[in-house]
Amino acid sequence: MGCNTSTATIDSPPNMPSTYKLVYFNMRGRAEISRLLFNYAGVKFEDCRMTFEEYGANKSDISKFPTGKMPVMFIDNHPPVTQCKAIERFLARQFGLYGNNNFDACRIDMICESLLDIFDGFMKIHFEKDDTKKEELTNSFTNESSVPLFNLLVRMLESNNGGKGFLVGNAATLADMTALANFDLLAGNLPGVMEKYPALKEYHMRIKKDPKIAQYLAARPNSNI
């Protein structure tokens, strides 16, 4: 299992855990949003990437994999945290990336759930083996199922500072890291989708230029998913 410690650091507040370890496969998948949160916040963590063989040999150990699935996060001496969305929301709250109030948090959740629907639709396409069915799924996703979700994201972006800032509020949040992870997947696998939404495409390229994010993206292992 390959474990790398992020070089980004911040001065941790007194209540901040001292060690984080995130365990997942050597791909983006369902751990990439959490990795982006760590890197954007500048918080050290062990980025442990298991092979499929290592996972198969260990997934029945409920002390490490409570649900038998990944990602799993270990924090100091606390019980392991599972479920990717629970991990992401925990980190967003820890790092001050969940908005300024409950209304912000609700809007962030709404965006993240919409992006999860987009992610699930993309993954169905990616894992489809039949070429004819894959083409049908791609057309349906591009021209039907994803359209209301993307249009919602466009409206939310453009209603906040004219689309020149972030999805919620005046600073990056979990919503922006979630969008970045998902838009990266689409840009690398279904580029025609992002071309349909120039406001989101411009936003995506702008967020990627943040120095902390750009440094991470340049160094992360190559993976198409």
Foldseek 3Di string as FASTA:
>chain_A
DDKDKDPFDDPADPPDFDAKEKEEAQACPLCVLVVLLCLVLRHIYIDHHDDPVVLVVPLVPCQQNVPSDDTWMDTDPDGIDHDSVVSLVVSLVSSVQQDDDPVSNVQLVVLLVLLVVLVVLVVVLVPDDDPVVSVVSVCCSQPPDNVVSVVVQLVQLCVPPNNPAESGDRDHHSSRSSLLSSVQLCCLPPVVSVVVPVSSVVVNVVVCPPVSNVVCVVPRDDDND
